[in-house]
Amino acid sequence: MTQLKDKAIQAMLLGEWQNATTLNKKLLSENPKDIDALNRLAYAFTILGKIKDAKSTYRKVLKLDILNQIAIRNIKKLTELGPRQLAKNTASIKYVNNIFLEETGKTKIIYLVNTTAPKIIALLTTGQPVIIAIKRSKIFVLDQSKQYLGVLPDDIGKRLIKLIKGGNIYEACIKSATEHNVSVFIKETKRAARYKNQPSFPQAENQDFSLKGKTNIKDYGIGEEDGSYSFETEEES
C-alpha cells in the first residue's frame, strides 16, 4: 500500500495525470475511504478536463469528511470558474515539468513572507508567471496585473537586489499555493559578467529557503479578506 501511494504521489508531481488516475483508483479499490487518494484523483480529473468526475469525487470526500478543506476549496473553485478559465488554469499546469527544471546555483524555490489574502491566493495557478520588483530594499512578488502577492525573505531578497542592480536578470512563476502559503520558482536567465563566478543561489542558502520534503500538490484556498492594493515599482516611485 505504501509503495503504491508513493507511486501515486510521484505521478502527480511529475504531471503524469493519466497514470495518477490509474494509481489512485487502485488505492481506492483497496480502501474506498482513502480521503487523500480521493482528493488526488479529483485533482487529476480536473487537470484532464473531466470536471464532472472531479466534482463527484470531491463530493465523495465531503461525504466522508464534511469539513475537508481541500475538497471544499476545490469544488467551490470548479463551480465558480467558467470553462474558459478552467481550461486556462489546467493548461498552465500541464507544462510545469518544463518550467521547473532545476539548475544548481541558478534556480530556487522560495516561500513568500507576508502573503496576500487567501481570496487572492485562491486564484493563483501553478506555473503562472509573476513579477519580481524592488521596493524599499525588499523584493515584492506581484501577479501580471501588479497585484501584491508577497515578499521574498530578507536575506535572499537583499542578495538578489544586489545581483539585479548589477545586471542579472531573473524570471519567476508560482510553484505552489495553499490558503496561507505561496512558493515561487525563480530562475536566473542572465548573469552579468561581473558575477560570472557568483551563483545566484549558493548551495548553503538552498537549505534555508528551498522547499523541503515532498512537494505538495496545489489546493485552492478561499478567504474573505481583500488583499488588493496599488503598487509602484522602485523605478516608478
Protein backbone atom coordinates (compact mmCIF):
# COMPACT_ATOMS: atom_id res chain seq x y z
CA MET A 1 0.00 0.00 0.00
CA THR A 2 2.75 2.46 0.97
CA GLN A 3 4.68 1.77 -2.25
CA LEU A 4 1.54 2.27 -4.34
CA LYS A 5 0.78 5.52 -2.51
CA ASP A 6 4.31 6.79 -3.16
CA LYS A 7 3.92 5.98 -6.87
CA ALA A 8 0.58 7.81 -6.96
CA ILE A 9 2.09 10.92 -5.37
CA GLN A 10 5.12 10.79 -7.65
CA ALA A 11 2.89 10.58 -10.72
CA MET A 12 1.12 13.74 -9.58
CA LEU A 13 4.38 15.59 -9.01
CA LEU A 14 5.65 14.55 -12.45
CA GLY A 15 2.45 15.65 -14.12
CA GLU A 16 1.60 12.12 -15.27
CA TRP A 17 -2.10 12.72 -14.81
CA GLN A 18 -3.48 9.63 -16.56
CA ASN A 19 -1.11 7.39 -14.62
CA ALA A 20 -2.02 9.25 -11.43
CA THR A 21 -5.67 8.50 -12.12
CA THR A 22 -4.97 4.78 -12.53
CA LEU A 23 -2.80 4.55 -9.41
CA ASN A 24 -5.21 6.43 -7.16
CA LYS A 25 -8.08 4.27 -8.41
CA LYS A 26 -6.06 1.20 -7.39
CA LEU A 27 -5.58 2.67 -3.93
CA LEU A 28 -9.32 3.29 -3.69
CA SER A 29 -10.12 -0.26 -4.75
CA GLU A 30 -8.23 -1.36 -1.64
CA ASN A 31 -9.64 1.37 0.58
CA PRO A 32 -12.66 3.30 -0.78
CA LYS A 33 -12.47 5.67 2.20
CA ASP A 34 -8.92 6.86 1.47
CA ILE A 35 -9.57 10.62 1.50
CA ASP A 36 -6.09 11.57 0.30
CA ALA A 37 -6.43 9.27 -2.71
CA LEU A 38 -9.85 10.69 -3.47
CA ASN A 39 -8.53 14.25 -3.38
CA ARG A 40 -5.61 13.31 -5.63
CA LEU A 41 -7.94 11.55 -8.06
CA ALA A 42 -10.28 14.55 -8.18
CA TYR A 43 -7.34 16.86 -8.86
CA ALA A 44 -6.08 14.62 -11.67
CA PHE A 45 -9.59 14.57 -13.16
CA THR A 46 -9.57 18.39 -13.06
CA ILE A 47 -6.30 18.63 -14.98
CA LEU A 48 -7.57 16.12 -17.54
CA GLY A 49 -10.65 18.27 -18.07
CA LYS A 50 -13.04 15.72 -16.54
CA ILE A 51 -14.81 18.31 -14.42
CA LYS A 52 -17.95 16.25 -13.70
CA ASP A 53 -15.81 13.37 -12.46
CA ALA A 54 -13.73 15.78 -10.37
CA LYS A 55 -16.81 17.27 -8.71
CA SER A 56 -18.36 13.89 -7.98
CA THR A 57 -15.08 12.68 -6.46
CA TYR A 58 -14.79 15.75 -4.24
CA ARG A 59 -18.40 15.11 -3.13
CA LYS A 60 -17.33 11.60 -2.06
CA VAL A 61 -14.65 13.23 0.08
CA LEU A 62 -17.21 15.51 1.71
CA LYS A 63 -19.48 12.56 2.49
CA LEU A 64 -16.57 11.08 4.44
CA ASP A 65 -15.32 14.37 5.88
CA ILE A 66 -17.74 17.27 5.60
CA LEU A 67 -15.08 19.75 6.78
CA ASN A 68 -12.32 18.64 4.41
CA GLN A 69 -10.82 21.96 3.30
CA ILE A 70 -9.15 20.70 0.12
CA ALA A 71 -12.43 19.34 -1.21
CA ILE A 72 -14.39 22.41 -0.11
CA ARG A 73 -11.97 24.84 -1.78
CA ASN A 74 -11.57 22.92 -5.00
CA ILE A 75 -15.23 22.16 -5.57
CA LYS A 76 -16.01 25.83 -4.94
CA LYS A 77 -13.40 26.84 -7.50
CA LEU A 78 -14.71 24.33 -10.05
CA THR A 79 -18.21 25.72 -9.56
CA GLU A 80 -17.24 29.41 -9.74
CA LEU A 81 -14.81 29.36 -12.68
CA GLY A 82 -16.17 29.14 -16.18
CA PRO A 83 -14.98 26.55 -18.74
CA ARG A 84 -12.57 29.02 -20.40
CA GLN A 85 -10.83 29.98 -17.16
CA LEU A 86 -10.63 26.35 -16.05
CA ALA A 87 -9.06 25.41 -19.38
CA LYS A 88 -6.53 28.21 -19.00
CA ASN A 89 -5.64 27.15 -15.46
CA THR A 90 -5.23 23.47 -16.28
CA ALA A 91 -3.22 24.20 -19.43
CA SER A 92 -0.63 26.08 -17.39
CA ILE A 93 -0.27 23.15 -15.00
CA LYS A 94 0.27 20.63 -17.81
CA TYR A 95 3.61 22.13 -18.82
CA VAL A 96 5.09 22.72 -15.36
CA ASN A 97 7.63 19.93 -15.82
CA ASN A 98 9.48 22.08 -18.35
CA ILE A 99 9.17 25.23 -16.25
CA PHE A 100 10.57 23.74 -13.07
CA LEU A 101 13.80 22.24 -14.40
CA GLU A 102 16.33 22.93 -11.66
CA GLU A 103 19.86 24.16 -12.27
CA THR A 104 22.35 24.31 -9.41
CA GLY A 105 23.04 27.91 -8.43
CA LYS A 106 20.58 29.28 -10.99
CA THR A 107 17.17 28.26 -9.68
CA LYS A 108 15.42 28.35 -6.34
CA ILE A 109 12.04 27.51 -4.82
CA ILE A 110 11.24 30.12 -2.19
CA TYR A 111 8.31 30.59 0.19
CA LEU A 112 6.97 34.14 0.30
CA VAL A 113 6.50 36.02 3.56
CA ASN A 114 3.72 38.50 4.39
CA THR A 115 1.50 36.90 1.78
CA THR A 116 -1.69 38.47 0.47
CA ALA A 117 -5.24 37.48 1.43
CA PRO A 118 -6.40 33.87 0.87
CA LYS A 119 -9.05 35.22 -1.52
CA ILE A 120 -6.30 36.34 -3.91
CA ILE A 121 -4.11 33.28 -3.35
CA ALA A 122 -7.08 31.14 -4.34
CA LEU A 123 -6.81 32.43 -7.91
CA LEU A 124 -3.11 31.58 -8.33
CA THR A 125 -2.18 28.75 -10.65
CA THR A 126 0.89 26.54 -10.70
CA GLY A 127 3.20 27.78 -13.46
CA GLN A 128 1.63 31.25 -13.55
CA PRO A 129 4.29 33.91 -14.34
CA VAL A 130 4.85 36.56 -11.66
CA ILE A 131 6.77 39.82 -11.44
CA ILE A 132 9.64 40.41 -9.02
CA ALA A 133 10.03 44.11 -8.21
CA ILE A 134 12.40 46.03 -5.95
CA LYS A 135 10.86 48.46 -3.48
CA ARG A 136 12.09 49.73 -0.10
CA SER A 137 15.12 47.38 -0.08
CA LYS A 138 12.87 44.36 -0.49
CA ILE A 139 11.75 42.20 -3.39
CA PHE A 140 7.99 42.18 -3.82
CA VAL A 141 6.28 39.47 -5.86
CA LEU A 142 3.30 40.59 -7.95
CA ASP A 143 0.94 38.99 -10.41
CA GLN A 144 0.80 40.16 -14.03
CA SER A 145 -1.63 42.95 -13.13
CA LYS A 146 0.83 44.18 -10.47
CA GLN A 147 -1.34 42.95 -7.61
CA TYR A 148 0.70 42.20 -4.50
CA LEU A 149 1.25 38.53 -3.61
CA GLY A 150 4.07 38.58 -1.04
CA VAL A 151 7.73 39.36 -0.33
CA LEU A 152 10.92 37.32 -0.57
CA PRO A 153 12.65 36.62 2.76
CA ASP A 154 15.08 39.44 3.63
CA ASP A 155 18.34 37.51 3.32
CA ILE A 156 17.71 36.18 -0.15
CA GLY A 157 15.96 39.38 -1.19
CA LYS A 158 18.98 41.52 -0.35
CA ARG A 159 21.26 39.20 -2.31
CA LEU A 160 19.03 39.30 -5.38
CA ILE A 161 18.68 43.10 -5.22
CA LYS A 162 22.47 43.40 -5.43
CA LEU A 163 22.62 40.97 -8.35
CA ILE A 164 19.72 42.57 -10.21
CA LYS A 165 21.18 46.04 -9.86
CA GLY A 166 24.48 44.60 -11.11
CA GLY A 167 22.90 43.33 -14.31
CA ASN A 168 21.50 39.87 -13.55
CA ILE A 169 18.04 39.05 -14.93
CA TYR A 170 15.51 36.66 -13.38
CA GLU A 171 12.09 35.23 -14.20
CA ALA A 172 9.67 33.70 -11.74
CA CYS A 173 6.43 31.75 -11.57
CA ILE A 174 4.13 30.22 -8.97
CA LYS A 175 5.31 26.81 -7.75
CA SER A 176 2.57 26.09 -5.20
CA ALA A 177 -0.17 27.93 -3.33
CA THR A 178 -2.29 26.98 -0.36
CA GLU A 179 -4.51 29.19 1.77
CA HIS A 180 -1.69 30.95 3.62
CA ASN A 181 1.45 29.75 1.81
CA VAL A 182 2.81 30.64 -1.61
CA SER A 183 6.08 29.39 -3.07
CA VAL A 184 7.70 30.73 -6.23
CA PHE A 185 10.25 29.23 -8.59
CA ILE A 186 12.90 31.80 -9.50
CA LYS A 187 15.35 31.25 -12.34
CA GLU A 188 18.43 33.25 -13.33
CA THR A 189 18.11 33.89 -17.08
CA LYS A 190 21.12 36.17 -17.49
CA ARG A 191 24.28 36.53 -15.39
CA ALA A 192 26.24 39.79 -15.56
CA ALA A 193 29.93 39.46 -16.43
CA ARG A 194 30.96 40.84 -13.04
CA TYR A 195 29.15 37.95 -11.36
CA LYS A 196 30.30 35.18 -13.71
CA ASN A 197 31.69 33.15 -10.79
CA GLN A 198 28.93 34.00 -8.33
CA PRO A 199 25.87 31.74 -8.31
CA SER A 200 22.58 33.47 -7.62
CA PHE A 201 21.64 30.80 -5.11
CA PRO A 202 24.66 29.31 -3.30
CA GLN A 203 24.26 25.75 -2.07
CA ALA A 204 24.31 26.83 1.58
CA GLU A 205 21.31 29.09 1.04
CA ASN A 206 19.31 26.26 -0.53
CA GLN A 207 18.86 24.70 2.89
CA ASP A 208 17.29 27.90 4.22
CA PHE A 209 14.76 28.73 1.55
CA SER A 210 14.11 25.71 -0.67
CA LEU A 211 11.00 23.59 -0.44
CA LYS A 212 11.84 20.73 1.92
CA GLY A 213 10.46 17.21 1.74
CA LYS A 214 7.66 16.30 -0.61
CA THR A 215 6.21 18.94 -2.84
CA ASN A 216 2.54 19.48 -2.08
CA ILE A 217 0.08 19.41 -4.92
CA LYS A 218 -1.63 22.78 -5.00
CA ASP A 219 -5.01 23.18 -3.36
CA TYR A 220 -7.09 26.31 -3.61
CA GLY A 221 -7.81 28.48 -0.56
CA ILE A 222 -10.84 30.72 -0.31
CA GLY A 223 -10.82 33.65 2.13
CA GLU A 224 -12.92 36.74 2.76
CA GLU A 225 -10.24 39.41 3.07
CA ASP A 226 -9.42 41.69 0.17
CA GLY A 227 -5.67 41.94 -0.13
CA SER A 228 -5.51 44.10 -3.23
CA TYR A 229 -3.75 47.45 -3.25
CA SER A 230 -1.93 49.64 -5.71
CA PHE A 231 1.78 49.02 -6.17
CA GLU A 232 4.56 51.05 -7.70
CA THR A 233 7.97 49.66 -8.52
CA GLU A 234 11.12 51.43 -7.39
CA GLU A 235 11.54 52.82 -10.90
CA GLU A 236 8.02 54.30 -10.89
CA SER A 237 8.27 55.91 -7.46
